[in-house]
Amino acid sequence: MSSKAPSILSQDLVVTGEINTEGDVQIEGRLDGNINAATLTIGEKGFVNGKIKAGTVLIHGKVTGKIEATTIELSETANVLADLVQDHLSIANGAFFDGKCSRKTAPTSAPKSNSPLQK
């Protein structure tokens, strides 16, 4: 894991284009385009309109598009209109989410049991 500071897009910054990094990114402004990062944090005033691909995505602001990550966390201030592809998803009370959800990997198969609900 990198000990470098994250790249920060400040609140008054608007970026149109694509961001690719192996590091961490924090967006407080607006990104119209795709982003690929290790960890992406979107602040309360932050907005991403595009495709996100990251190991971890923490959303406090707004996202429109598609998100693919191992872990996605939506805080109570999140506003997400996107399809999610993930292995771990956390949605806080008060978060807004509209889209489809699917797993990146198949769940580990559990042995079949004789459930009392099955006859």
PDB file of N, CA and C in Angstrom:
ATOM      1  N   MET A   1       0.844  -1.186   0.000  1.00  0.00           N
ATOM      2  CA  MET A   1       0.000   0.000   0.000  1.00  0.00           C
ATOM      3  C   MET A   1       0.885   1.244   0.000  1.00  0.00           C
ATOM      4  N   SER A   2       0.472   2.228  -0.746  1.00  0.00           N
ATOM      5  CA  SER A   2       1.243   3.457  -0.884  1.00  0.00           C
ATOM      6  C   SER A   2       1.049   4.370   0.317  1.00  0.00           C
ATOM      7  N   SER A   3       2.146   5.028   0.729  1.00  0.00           N
ATOM      8  CA  SER A   3       2.040   5.959   1.842  1.00  0.00           C
ATOM      9  C   SER A   3       1.982   7.396   1.332  1.00  0.00           C
ATOM     10  N   LYS A   4       1.838   7.558   0.025  1.00  0.00           N
ATOM     11  CA  LYS A   4       1.755   8.887  -0.571  1.00  0.00           C
ATOM     12  C   LYS A   4       0.421   9.540  -0.233  1.00  0.00           C
ATOM     13  N   ALA A   5       0.414  10.862  -0.225  1.00  0.00           N
ATOM     14  CA  ALA A   5      -0.827  11.606   0.002  1.00  0.00           C
ATOM     15  C   ALA A   5      -1.728  11.444  -1.226  1.00  0.00           C
ATOM     16  N   PRO A   6      -3.057  11.504  -1.036  1.00  0.00           N
ATOM     17  CA  PRO A   6      -3.948  11.375  -2.189  1.00  0.00           C
ATOM     18  C   PRO A   6      -3.890  12.624  -3.070  1.00  0.00           C
ATOM     19  N   SER A   7      -4.208  12.439  -4.350  1.00  0.00           N
ATOM     20  CA  SER A   7      -4.375  13.576  -5.245  1.00  0.00           C
ATOM     21  C   SER A   7      -5.756  14.152  -4.956  1.00  0.00           C
ATOM     22  N   ILE A   8      -5.836  15.469  -4.805  1.00  0.00           N
ATOM     23  CA  ILE A   8      -7.107  16.108  -4.436  1.00  0.00           C
ATOM     24  C   ILE A   8      -7.541  17.074  -5.526  1.00  0.00           C
ATOM     25  N   LEU A   9      -8.783  16.909  -5.984  1.00  0.00           N
ATOM     26  CA  LEU A   9      -9.398  17.873  -6.895  1.00  0.00           C
ATOM     27  C   LEU A   9     -10.246  18.781  -6.018  1.00  0.00           C
ATOM     28  N   SER A  10      -9.836  20.030  -5.871  1.00  0.00           N
ATOM     29  CA  SER A  10     -10.505  20.931  -4.933  1.00  0.00           C
ATOM     30  C   SER A  10     -11.908  21.310  -5.411  1.00  0.00           C
ATOM     31  N   GLN A  11     -12.666  21.907  -4.501  1.00  0.00           N
ATOM     32  CA  GLN A  11     -14.081  22.190  -4.718  1.00  0.00           C
ATOM     33  C   GLN A  11     -14.333  23.093  -5.923  1.00  0.00           C
ATOM     34  N   ASP A  12     -13.417  24.007  -6.236  1.00  0.00           N
ATOM     35  CA  ASP A  12     -13.642  24.932  -7.354  1.00  0.00           C
ATOM     36  C   ASP A  12     -13.080  24.410  -8.673  1.00  0.00           C
ATOM     37  N   LEU A  13     -12.638  23.149  -8.696  1.00  0.00           N
ATOM     38  CA  LEU A  13     -12.023  22.582  -9.888  1.00  0.00           C
ATOM     39  C   LEU A  13     -13.013  21.723 -10.663  1.00  0.00           C
ATOM     40  N   VAL A  14     -13.076  21.933 -11.986  1.00  0.00           N
ATOM     41  CA  VAL A  14     -13.891  21.123 -12.884  1.00  0.00           C
ATOM     42  C   VAL A  14     -12.947  20.470 -13.878  1.00  0.00           C
ATOM     43  N   VAL A  15     -12.961  19.141 -13.933  1.00  0.00           N
ATOM     44  CA  VAL A  15     -12.093  18.404 -14.843  1.00  0.00           C
ATOM     45  C   VAL A  15     -12.959  17.661 -15.848  1.00  0.00           C
ATOM     46  N   THR A  16     -12.609  17.815 -17.127  1.00  0.00           N
ATOM     47  CA  THR A  16     -13.266  17.057 -18.189  1.00  0.00           C
ATOM     48  C   THR A  16     -12.205  16.178 -18.820  1.00  0.00           C
ATOM     49  N   GLY A  17     -12.389  14.873 -18.725  1.00  0.00           N
ATOM     50  CA  GLY A  17     -11.396  13.957 -19.267  1.00  0.00           C
ATOM     51  C   GLY A  17     -11.293  12.710 -18.433  1.00  0.00           C
ATOM     52  N   GLU A  18     -10.155  12.037 -18.536  1.00  0.00           N
ATOM     53  CA  GLU A  18      -9.960  10.752 -17.879  1.00  0.00           C
ATOM     54  C   GLU A  18      -8.797  10.843 -16.891  1.00  0.00           C
ATOM     55  N   ILE A  19      -8.973  10.221 -15.726  1.00  0.00           N
ATOM     56  CA  ILE A  19      -7.918  10.184 -14.714  1.00  0.00           C
ATOM     57  C   ILE A  19      -7.538   8.729 -14.492  1.00  0.00           C
ATOM     58  N   ASN A  20      -6.240   8.429 -14.632  1.00  0.00           N
ATOM     59  CA  ASN A  20      -5.714   7.090 -14.379  1.00  0.00           C
ATOM     60  C   ASN A  20      -4.549   7.205 -13.407  1.00  0.00           C
ATOM     61  N   THR A  21      -4.629   6.502 -12.282  1.00  0.00           N
ATOM     62  CA  THR A  21      -3.554   6.521 -11.301  1.00  0.00           C
ATOM     63  C   THR A  21      -3.564   5.219 -10.514  1.00  0.00           C
ATOM     64  N   GLU A  22      -2.396   4.844 -10.022  1.00  0.00           N
ATOM     65  CA  GLU A  22      -2.312   3.697  -9.127  1.00  0.00           C
ATOM     66  C   GLU A  22      -2.443   4.157  -7.677  1.00  0.00           C
ATOM     67  N   GLY A  23      -2.578   5.461  -7.480  1.00  0.00           N
ATOM     68  CA  GLY A  23      -2.683   6.033  -6.147  1.00  0.00           C
ATOM     69  C   GLY A  23      -4.128   6.312  -5.751  1.00  0.00           C
ATOM     70  N   ASP A  24      -4.264   7.133  -4.705  1.00  0.00           N
ATOM     71  CA  ASP A  24      -5.570   7.492  -4.163  1.00  0.00           C
ATOM     72  C   ASP A  24      -5.967   8.875  -4.655  1.00  0.00           C
ATOM     73  N   VAL A  25      -7.277   9.061  -4.880  1.00  0.00           N
ATOM     74  CA  VAL A  25      -7.804  10.338  -5.368  1.00  0.00           C
ATOM     75  C   VAL A  25      -8.970  10.761  -4.490  1.00  0.00           C
ATOM     76  N   GLN A  26      -9.016  12.053  -4.180  1.00  0.00           N
ATOM     77  CA  GLN A  26     -10.139  12.639  -3.447  1.00  0.00           C
ATOM     78  C   GLN A  26     -10.726  13.738  -4.327  1.00  0.00           C
ATOM     79  N   ILE A  27     -12.026  13.652  -4.595  1.00  0.00           N
ATOM     80  CA  ILE A  27     -12.688  14.633  -5.454  1.00  0.00           C
ATOM     81  C   ILE A  27     -13.643  15.473  -4.621  1.00  0.00           C
ATOM     82  N   GLU A  28     -13.342  16.758  -4.556  1.00  0.00           N
ATOM     83  CA  GLU A  28     -14.221  17.715  -3.881  1.00  0.00           C
ATOM     84  C   GLU A  28     -14.913  18.601  -4.920  1.00  0.00           C
ATOM     85  N   GLY A  29     -14.402  18.579  -6.144  1.00  0.00           N
ATOM     86  CA  GLY A  29     -14.969  19.361  -7.240  1.00  0.00           C
ATOM     87  C   GLY A  29     -15.799  18.479  -8.148  1.00  0.00           C
ATOM     88  N   ARG A  30     -15.648  18.676  -9.479  1.00  0.00           N
ATOM     89  CA  ARG A  30     -16.452  17.945 -10.451  1.00  0.00           C
ATOM     90  C   ARG A  30     -15.541  17.276 -11.479  1.00  0.00           C
ATOM     91  N   LEU A  31     -15.862  16.011 -11.783  1.00  0.00           N
ATOM     92  CA  LEU A  31     -15.180  15.276 -12.838  1.00  0.00           C
ATOM     93  C   LEU A  31     -16.210  14.796 -13.839  1.00  0.00           C
ATOM     94  N   ASP A  32     -16.079  15.259 -15.076  1.00  0.00           N
ATOM     95  CA  ASP A  32     -16.897  14.750 -16.181  1.00  0.00           C
ATOM     96  C   ASP A  32     -15.989  13.847 -16.995  1.00  0.00           C
ATOM     97  N   GLY A  33     -16.008  12.564 -16.697  1.00  0.00           N
ATOM     98  CA  GLY A  33     -15.139  11.612 -17.368  1.00  0.00           C
ATOM     99  C   GLY A  33     -14.922  10.400 -16.497  1.00  0.00           C
ATOM    100  N   ASN A  34     -14.048   9.529 -16.942  1.00  0.00           N
ATOM    101  CA  ASN A  34     -13.805   8.270 -16.249  1.00  0.00           C
ATOM    102  C   ASN A  34     -12.600   8.387 -15.333  1.00  0.00           C
ATOM    103  N   ILE A  35     -12.593   7.556 -14.287  1.00  0.00           N
ATOM    104  CA  ILE A  35     -11.471   7.553 -13.355  1.00  0.00           C
ATOM    105  C   ILE A  35     -11.127   6.123 -12.975  1.00  0.00           C
ATOM    106  N   ASN A  36      -9.830   5.870 -12.902  1.00  0.00           N
ATOM    107  CA  ASN A  36      -9.301   4.584 -12.489  1.00  0.00           C
ATOM    108  C   ASN A  36      -8.271   4.882 -11.404  1.00  0.00           C
ATOM    109  N   ALA A  37      -8.509   4.399 -10.171  1.00  0.00           N
ATOM    110  CA  ALA A  37      -7.623   4.706  -9.043  1.00  0.00           C
ATOM    111  C   ALA A  37      -7.639   3.552  -8.052  1.00  0.00           C
ATOM    112  N   ALA A  38      -6.685   3.558  -7.125  1.00  0.00           N
ATOM    113  CA  ALA A  38      -6.657   2.537  -6.073  1.00  0.00           C
ATOM    114  C   ALA A  38      -7.825   2.763  -5.117  1.00  0.00           C
ATOM    115  N   THR A  39      -7.893   3.982  -4.575  1.00  0.00           N
ATOM    116  CA  THR A  39      -8.994   4.370  -3.687  1.00  0.00           C
ATOM    117  C   THR A  39      -9.528   5.713  -4.156  1.00  0.00           C
ATOM    118  N   LEU A  40     -10.835   5.828  -4.262  1.00  0.00           N
ATOM    119  CA  LEU A  40     -11.469   7.080  -4.665  1.00  0.00           C
ATOM    120  C   LEU A  40     -12.411   7.525  -3.564  1.00  0.00           C
ATOM    121  N   THR A  41     -12.228   8.767  -3.114  1.00  0.00           N
ATOM    122  CA  THR A  41     -13.134   9.363  -2.133  1.00  0.00           C
ATOM    123  C   THR A  41     -13.795  10.559  -2.798  1.00  0.00           C
ATOM    124  N   ILE A  42     -15.127  10.593  -2.753  1.00  0.00           N
ATOM    125  CA  ILE A  42     -15.879  11.715  -3.313  1.00  0.00           C
ATOM    126  C   ILE A  42     -16.485  12.475  -2.143  1.00  0.00           C
ATOM    127  N   GLY A  43     -16.045  13.722  -1.965  1.00  0.00           N
ATOM    128  CA  GLY A  43     -16.513  14.550  -0.857  1.00  0.00           C
ATOM    129  C   GLY A  43     -17.973  14.943  -1.010  1.00  0.00           C
ATOM    130  N   GLU A  44     -18.540  15.557   0.037  1.00  0.00           N
ATOM    131  CA  GLU A  44     -19.954  15.937   0.034  1.00  0.00           C
ATOM    132  C   GLU A  44     -20.322  16.858  -1.117  1.00  0.00           C
ATOM    133  N   LYS A  45     -19.419  17.745  -1.509  1.00  0.00           N
ATOM    134  CA  LYS A  45     -19.681  18.663  -2.630  1.00  0.00           C
ATOM    135  C   LYS A  45     -19.155  18.106  -3.949  1.00  0.00           C
ATOM    136  N   GLY A  46     -18.514  16.934  -3.916  1.00  0.00           N
ATOM    137  CA  GLY A  46     -17.928  16.338  -5.104  1.00  0.00           C
ATOM    138  C   GLY A  46     -18.967  15.709  -6.011  1.00  0.00           C
ATOM    139  N   PHE A  47     -18.643  15.662  -7.324  1.00  0.00           N
ATOM    140  CA  PHE A  47     -19.558  15.090  -8.318  1.00  0.00           C
ATOM    141  C   PHE A  47     -18.742  14.411  -9.403  1.00  0.00           C
ATOM    142  N   VAL A  48     -19.086  13.162  -9.706  1.00  0.00           N
ATOM    143  CA  VAL A  48     -18.446  12.428 -10.794  1.00  0.00           C
ATOM    144  C   VAL A  48     -19.536  11.980 -11.756  1.00  0.00           C
ATOM    145  N   ASN A  49     -19.345  12.318 -13.035  1.00  0.00           N
ATOM    146  CA  ASN A  49     -20.245  11.897 -14.095  1.00  0.00           C
ATOM    147  C   ASN A  49     -19.423  11.055 -15.059  1.00  0.00           C
ATOM    148  N   GLY A  50     -19.456   9.723 -14.874  1.00  0.00           N
ATOM    149  CA  GLY A  50     -18.666   8.843 -15.723  1.00  0.00           C
ATOM    150  C   GLY A  50     -18.495   7.478 -15.088  1.00  0.00           C
ATOM    151  N   LYS A  51     -17.546   6.726 -15.620  1.00  0.00           N
ATOM    152  CA  LYS A  51     -17.266   5.380 -15.104  1.00  0.00           C
ATOM    153  C   LYS A  51     -16.139   5.449 -14.088  1.00  0.00           C
ATOM    154  N   ILE A  52     -16.347   4.747 -12.964  1.00  0.00           N
ATOM    155  CA  ILE A  52     -15.350   4.682 -11.897  1.00  0.00           C
ATOM    156  C   ILE A  52     -14.887   3.237 -11.786  1.00  0.00           C
ATOM    157  N   LYS A  53     -13.560   3.056 -11.744  1.00  0.00           N
ATOM    158  CA  LYS A  53     -12.991   1.733 -11.492  1.00  0.00           C
ATOM    159  C   LYS A  53     -11.919   1.914 -10.430  1.00  0.00           C
ATOM    160  N   ALA A  54     -12.091   1.227  -9.294  1.00  0.00           N
ATOM    161  CA  ALA A  54     -11.161   1.395  -8.176  1.00  0.00           C
ATOM    162  C   ALA A  54     -11.240   0.184  -7.255  1.00  0.00           C
ATOM    163  N   GLY A  55     -10.262   0.079  -6.368  1.00  0.00           N
ATOM    164  CA  GLY A  55     -10.319  -0.962  -5.353  1.00  0.00           C
ATOM    165  C   GLY A  55     -11.386  -0.640  -4.321  1.00  0.00           C
ATOM    166  N   THR A  56     -11.364   0.619  -3.857  1.00  0.00           N
ATOM    167  CA  THR A  56     -12.328   1.094  -2.856  1.00  0.00           C
ATOM    168  C   THR A  56     -12.889   2.428  -3.301  1.00  0.00           C
ATOM    169  N   VAL A  57     -14.214   2.590  -3.198  1.00  0.00           N
ATOM    170  CA  VAL A  57     -14.868   3.855  -3.528  1.00  0.00           C
ATOM    171  C   VAL A  57     -15.705   4.282  -2.322  1.00  0.00           C
ATOM    172  N   LEU A  58     -15.407   5.475  -1.790  1.00  0.00           N
ATOM    173  CA  LEU A  58     -16.138   6.047  -0.661  1.00  0.00           C
ATOM    174  C   LEU A  58     -16.890   7.266  -1.180  1.00  0.00           C
ATOM    175  N   ILE A  59     -18.214   7.240  -1.093  1.00  0.00           N
ATOM    176  CA  ILE A  59     -19.021   8.300  -1.701  1.00  0.00           C
ATOM    177  C   ILE A  59     -19.765   9.088  -0.632  1.00  0.00           C
ATOM    178  N   HIS A  60     -19.486  10.391  -0.602  1.00  0.00           N
ATOM    179  CA  HIS A  60     -20.209  11.321   0.268  1.00  0.00           C
ATOM    180  C   HIS A  60     -21.001  12.310  -0.588  1.00  0.00           C
ATOM    181  N   GLY A  61     -20.667  12.397  -1.866  1.00  0.00           N
ATOM    182  CA  GLY A  61     -21.280  13.349  -2.783  1.00  0.00           C
ATOM    183  C   GLY A  61     -22.143  12.654  -3.821  1.00  0.00           C
ATOM    184  N   LYS A  62     -22.028  13.109  -5.083  1.00  0.00           N
ATOM    185  CA  LYS A  62     -22.918  12.637  -6.143  1.00  0.00           C
ATOM    186  C   LYS A  62     -22.137  11.901  -7.227  1.00  0.00           C
ATOM    187  N   VAL A  63     -22.720  10.800  -7.705  1.00  0.00           N
ATOM    188  CA  VAL A  63     -22.137  10.032  -8.802  1.00  0.00           C
ATOM    189  C   VAL A  63     -23.235   9.654  -9.778  1.00  0.00           C
ATOM    190  N   THR A  64     -22.947   9.843 -11.065  1.00  0.00           N
ATOM    191  CA  THR A  64     -23.831   9.397 -12.134  1.00  0.00           C
ATOM    192  C   THR A  64     -22.979   8.582 -13.096  1.00  0.00           C
ATOM    193  N   GLY A  65     -23.389   7.362 -13.400  1.00  0.00           N
ATOM    194  CA  GLY A  65     -22.615   6.542 -14.328  1.00  0.00           C
ATOM    195  C   GLY A  65     -22.557   5.095 -13.915  1.00  0.00           C
ATOM    196  N   LYS A  66     -21.325   4.556 -13.823  1.00  0.00           N
ATOM    197  CA  LYS A  66     -21.118   3.160 -13.438  1.00  0.00           C
ATOM    198  C   LYS A  66     -19.923   3.085 -12.505  1.00  0.00           C
ATOM    199  N   ILE A  67     -20.035   2.227 -11.475  1.00  0.00           N
ATOM    200  CA  ILE A  67     -18.949   2.053 -10.518  1.00  0.00           C
ATOM    201  C   ILE A  67     -18.589   0.576 -10.453  1.00  0.00           C
ATOM    202  N   GLU A  68     -17.300   0.285 -10.619  1.00  0.00           N
ATOM    203  CA  GLU A  68     -16.796  -1.072 -10.443  1.00  0.00           C
ATOM    204  C   GLU A  68     -15.670  -1.019  -9.429  1.00  0.00           C
ATOM    205  N   ALA A  69     -15.863  -1.723  -8.304  1.00  0.00           N
ATOM    206  CA  ALA A  69     -14.877  -1.695  -7.232  1.00  0.00           C
ATOM    207  C   ALA A  69     -15.036  -2.933  -6.361  1.00  0.00           C
ATOM    208  N   THR A  70     -13.988  -3.254  -5.624  1.00  0.00           N
ATOM    209  CA  THR A  70     -14.090  -4.356  -4.663  1.00  0.00           C
ATOM    210  C   THR A  70     -15.014  -3.938  -3.525  1.00  0.00           C
ATOM    211  N   THR A  71     -14.823  -2.703  -3.017  1.00  0.00           N
ATOM    212  CA  THR A  71     -15.623  -2.190  -1.906  1.00  0.00           C
ATOM    213  C   THR A  71     -16.226  -0.843  -2.285  1.00  0.00           C
ATOM    214  N   ILE A  72     -17.524  -0.695  -2.069  1.00  0.00           N
ATOM    215  CA  ILE A  72     -18.217   0.578  -2.298  1.00  0.00           C
ATOM    216  C   ILE A  72     -18.965   0.942  -1.021  1.00  0.00           C
ATOM    217  N   GLU A  73     -18.733   2.179  -0.541  1.00  0.00           N
ATOM    218  CA  GLU A  73     -19.432   2.660   0.650  1.00  0.00           C
ATOM    219  C   GLU A  73     -20.162   3.948   0.312  1.00  0.00           C
ATOM    220  N   LEU A  74     -21.476   3.969   0.550  1.00  0.00           N
ATOM    221  CA  LEU A  74     -22.291   5.163   0.360  1.00  0.00           C
ATOM    222  C   LEU A  74     -22.612   5.733   1.732  1.00  0.00           C
ATOM    223  N   SER A  75     -22.172   6.964   1.996  1.00  0.00           N
ATOM    224  CA  SER A  75     -22.465   7.600   3.287  1.00  0.00           C
ATOM    225  C   SER A  75     -23.887   8.156   3.258  1.00  0.00           C
ATOM    226  N   GLU A  76     -24.319   8.692   4.383  1.00  0.00           N
ATOM    227  CA  GLU A  76     -25.690   9.226   4.478  1.00  0.00           C
ATOM    228  C   GLU A  76     -25.921  10.416   3.544  1.00  0.00           C
ATOM    229  N   THR A  77     -24.857  11.071   3.061  1.00  0.00           N
ATOM    230  CA  THR A  77     -25.010  12.216   2.160  1.00  0.00           C
ATOM    231  C   THR A  77     -24.839  11.829   0.686  1.00  0.00           C
ATOM    232  N   ALA A  78     -24.623  10.544   0.401  1.00  0.00           N
ATOM    233  CA  ALA A  78     -24.397  10.092  -0.975  1.00  0.00           C
ATOM    234  C   ALA A  78     -25.658  10.196  -1.822  1.00  0.00           C
ATOM    235  N   ASN A  79     -25.454  10.537  -3.102  1.00  0.00           N
ATOM    236  CA  ASN A  79     -26.530  10.606  -4.090  1.00  0.00           C
ATOM    237  C   ASN A  79     -25.996   9.894  -5.326  1.00  0.00           C
ATOM    238  N   VAL A  80     -26.409   8.640  -5.513  1.00  0.00           N
ATOM    239  CA  VAL A  80     -25.815   7.799  -6.549  1.00  0.00           C
ATOM    240  C   VAL A  80     -26.873   7.322  -7.536  1.00  0.00           C
ATOM    241  N   LEU A  81     -26.675   7.704  -8.794  1.00  0.00           N
ATOM    242  CA  LEU A  81     -27.498   7.224  -9.910  1.00  0.00           C
ATOM    243  C   LEU A  81     -26.556   6.433 -10.797  1.00  0.00           C
ATOM    244  N   ALA A  82     -26.293   5.188 -10.430  1.00  0.00           N
ATOM    245  CA  ALA A  82     -25.274   4.412 -11.129  1.00  0.00           C
ATOM    246  C   ALA A  82     -25.515   2.926 -10.935  1.00  0.00           C
ATOM    247  N   ASP A  83     -24.966   2.153 -11.861  1.00  0.00           N
ATOM    248  CA  ASP A  83     -24.946   0.705 -11.711  1.00  0.00           C
ATOM    249  C   ASP A  83     -23.665   0.341 -10.972  1.00  0.00           C
ATOM    250  N   LEU A  84     -23.786  -0.548  -9.993  1.00  0.00           N
ATOM    251  CA  LEU A  84     -22.653  -0.927  -9.156  1.00  0.00           C
ATOM    252  C   LEU A  84     -22.255  -2.367  -9.427  1.00  0.00           C
ATOM    253  N   VAL A  85     -20.960  -2.587  -9.592  1.00  0.00           N
ATOM    254  CA  VAL A  85     -20.394  -3.930  -9.676  1.00  0.00           C
ATOM    255  C   VAL A  85     -19.361  -3.998  -8.568  1.00  0.00           C
ATOM    256  N   GLN A  86     -19.599  -4.862  -7.569  1.00  0.00           N
ATOM    257  CA  GLN A  86     -18.769  -4.849  -6.369  1.00  0.00           C
ATOM    258  C   GLN A  86     -18.811  -6.190  -5.660  1.00  0.00           C
ATOM    259  N   ASP A  87     -17.921  -6.352  -4.666  1.00  0.00           N
ATOM    260  CA  ASP A  87     -17.962  -7.524  -3.791  1.00  0.00           C
ATOM    261  C   ASP A  87     -18.495  -7.160  -2.414  1.00  0.00           C
ATOM    262  N   HIS A  88     -18.217  -5.917  -1.966  1.00  0.00           N
ATOM    263  CA  HIS A  88     -18.669  -5.463  -0.644  1.00  0.00           C
ATOM    264  C   HIS A  88     -19.357  -4.118  -0.813  1.00  0.00           C
ATOM    265  N   LEU A  89     -20.602  -4.036  -0.347  1.00  0.00           N
ATOM    266  CA  LEU A  89     -21.385  -2.814  -0.487  1.00  0.00           C
ATOM    267  C   LEU A  89     -21.957  -2.404   0.861  1.00  0.00           C
ATOM    268  N   SER A  90     -21.795  -1.117   1.178  1.00  0.00           N
ATOM    269  CA  SER A  90     -22.340  -0.565   2.410  1.00  0.00           C
ATOM    270  C   SER A  90     -23.123   0.695   2.058  1.00  0.00           C
ATOM    271  N   ILE A  91     -24.404   0.733   2.457  1.00  0.00           N
ATOM    272  CA  ILE A  91     -25.243   1.899   2.190  1.00  0.00           C
ATOM    273  C   ILE A  91     -25.767   2.417   3.523  1.00  0.00           C
ATOM    274  N   ALA A  92     -25.365   3.639   3.872  1.00  0.00           N
ATOM    275  CA  ALA A  92     -25.784   4.231   5.147  1.00  0.00           C
ATOM    276  C   ALA A  92     -27.230   4.708   5.068  1.00  0.00           C
ATOM    277  N   ASN A  93     -27.873   4.776   6.230  1.00  0.00           N
ATOM    278  CA  ASN A  93     -29.215   5.344   6.322  1.00  0.00           C
ATOM    279  C   ASN A  93     -29.204   6.756   5.768  1.00  0.00           C
ATOM    280  N   GLY A  94     -30.137   7.082   4.897  1.00  0.00           N
ATOM    281  CA  GLY A  94     -30.226   8.428   4.346  1.00  0.00           C
ATOM    282  C   GLY A  94     -29.578   8.569   2.984  1.00  0.00           C
ATOM    283  N   ALA A  95     -28.752   7.606   2.588  1.00  0.00           N
ATOM    284  CA  ALA A  95     -28.113   7.659   1.268  1.00  0.00           C
ATOM    285  C   ALA A  95     -29.167   7.436   0.191  1.00  0.00           C
ATOM    286  N   PHE A  96     -28.969   8.082  -0.973  1.00  0.00           N
ATOM    287  CA  PHE A  96     -29.862   7.874  -2.108  1.00  0.00           C
ATOM    288  C   PHE A  96     -29.132   7.024  -3.131  1.00  0.00           C
ATOM    289  N   PHE A  97     -29.759   5.919  -3.556  1.00  0.00           N
ATOM    290  CA  PHE A  97     -29.171   5.048  -4.561  1.00  0.00           C
ATOM    291  C   PHE A  97     -30.240   4.604  -5.529  1.00  0.00           C
ATOM    292  N   ASP A  98     -29.989   4.790  -6.826  1.00  0.00           N
ATOM    293  CA  ASP A  98     -30.892   4.325  -7.871  1.00  0.00           C
ATOM    294  C   ASP A  98     -30.036   3.696  -8.954  1.00  0.00           C
ATOM    295  N   GLY A  99     -30.150   2.397  -9.122  1.00  0.00           N
ATOM    296  CA  GLY A  99     -29.362   1.698 -10.129  1.00  0.00           C
ATOM    297  C   GLY A  99     -29.398   0.207  -9.879  1.00  0.00           C
ATOM    298  N   LYS A 100     -28.605  -0.518 -10.650  1.00  0.00           N
ATOM    299  CA  LYS A 100     -28.520  -1.963 -10.499  1.00  0.00           C
ATOM    300  C   LYS A 100     -27.261  -2.309  -9.720  1.00  0.00           C
ATOM    301  N   CYS A 101     -27.345  -3.421  -9.009  1.00  0.00           N
ATOM    302  CA  CYS A 101     -26.231  -3.905  -8.198  1.00  0.00           C
ATOM    303  C   CYS A 101     -25.890  -5.323  -8.629  1.00  0.00           C
ATOM    304  N   SER A 102     -24.607  -5.608  -8.798  1.00  0.00           N
ATOM    305  CA  SER A 102     -24.210  -6.983  -9.056  1.00  0.00           C
ATOM    306  C   SER A 102     -22.834  -7.238  -8.442  1.00  0.00           C
ATOM    307  N   ARG A 103     -22.550  -8.516  -8.195  1.00  0.00           N
ATOM    308  CA  ARG A 103     -21.275  -8.904  -7.592  1.00  0.00           C
ATOM    309  C   ARG A 103     -20.209  -9.068  -8.665  1.00  0.00           C
ATOM    310  N   LYS A 104     -18.973  -8.697  -8.312  1.00  0.00           N
ATOM    311  CA  LYS A 104     -17.841  -8.907  -9.208  1.00  0.00           C
ATOM    312  C   LYS A 104     -17.483 -10.375  -9.295  1.00  0.00           C
ATOM    313  N   THR A 105     -17.474 -11.044  -8.144  1.00  0.00           N
ATOM    314  CA  THR A 105     -17.090 -12.448  -8.099  1.00  0.00           C
ATOM    315  C   THR A 105     -18.244 -13.275  -7.554  1.00  0.00           C
ATOM    316  N   ALA A 106     -18.248 -14.525  -7.910  1.00  0.00           N
ATOM    317  CA  ALA A 106     -19.293 -15.420  -7.400  1.00  0.00           C
ATOM    318  C   ALA A 106     -19.064 -15.656  -5.916  1.00  0.00           C
ATOM    319  N   PRO A 107     -20.136 -15.704  -5.127  1.00  0.00           N
ATOM    320  CA  PRO A 107     -19.963 -15.972  -3.696  1.00  0.00           C
ATOM    321  C   PRO A 107     -19.410 -17.380  -3.492  1.00  0.00           C
ATOM    322  N   THR A 108     -18.673 -17.541  -2.404  1.00  0.00           N
ATOM    323  CA  THR A 108     -18.155 -18.871  -2.117  1.00  0.00           C
ATOM    324  C   THR A 108     -19.338 -19.792  -1.839  1.00  0.00           C
ATOM    325  N   SER A 109     -19.307 -20.964  -2.424  1.00  0.00           N
ATOM    326  CA  SER A 109     -20.454 -21.855  -2.289  1.00  0.00           C
ATOM    327  C   SER A 109     -20.462 -22.488  -0.901  1.00  0.00           C
ATOM    328  N   ALA A 110     -21.586 -22.375  -0.257  1.00  0.00           N
ATOM    329  CA  ALA A 110     -21.769 -22.974   1.068  1.00  0.00           C
ATOM    330  C   ALA A 110     -22.322 -24.374   0.878  1.00  0.00           C
ATOM    331  N   PRO A 111     -21.961 -25.293   1.751  1.00  0.00           N
ATOM    332  CA  PRO A 111     -22.519 -26.643   1.620  1.00  0.00           C
ATOM    333  C   PRO A 111     -24.028 -26.603   1.823  1.00  0.00           C
ATOM    334  N   LYS A 112     -24.718 -27.433   1.052  1.00  0.00           N
ATOM    335  CA  LYS A 112     -26.175 -27.461   1.163  1.00  0.00           C
ATOM    336  C   LYS A 112     -26.563 -28.119   2.481  1.00  0.00           C
ATOM    337  N   SER A 113     -27.526 -27.497   3.148  1.00  0.00           N
ATOM    338  CA  SER A 113     -27.984 -28.061   4.410  1.00  0.00           C
ATOM    339  C   SER A 113     -29.450 -28.426   4.267  1.00  0.00           C
ATOM    340  N   ASN A 114     -29.898 -29.257   5.161  1.00  0.00           N
ATOM    341  CA  ASN A 114     -31.319 -29.601   5.184  1.00  0.00           C
ATOM    342  C   ASN A 114     -32.025 -28.569   6.040  1.00  0.00           C
ATOM    343  N   SER A 115     -32.492 -27.521   5.388  1.00  0.00           N
ATOM    344  CA  SER A 115     -33.161 -26.459   6.093  1.00  0.00           C
ATOM    345  C   SER A 115     -34.538 -26.913   6.554  1.00  0.00           C
ATOM    346  N   PRO A 116     -34.970 -26.503   7.729  1.00  0.00           N
ATOM    347  CA  PRO A 116     -36.314 -26.873   8.192  1.00  0.00           C
ATOM    348  C   PRO A 116     -37.398 -26.238   7.318  1.00  0.00           C
ATOM    349  N   LEU A 117     -37.037 -25.228   6.519  1.00  0.00           N
ATOM    350  CA  LEU A 117     -38.024 -24.591   5.661  1.00  0.00           C
ATOM    351  C   LEU A 117     -38.248 -25.378   4.378  1.00  0.00           C
ATOM    352  N   GLN A 118     -37.325 -26.262   4.038  1.00  0.00           N
ATOM    353  CA  GLN A 118     -37.470 -27.058   2.822  1.00  0.00           C
ATOM    354  C   GLN A 118     -38.145 -28.370   3.148  1.00  0.00           C
ATOM    355  N   LYS A 119     -39.035 -28.818   2.266  1.00  0.00           N
ATOM    356  CA  LYS A 119     -39.755 -30.084   2.490  1.00  0.00           C
ATOM    357  C   LYS A 119     -39.486 -31.018   1.350  1.00  0.00           C
TER     358      LYS A 119
END
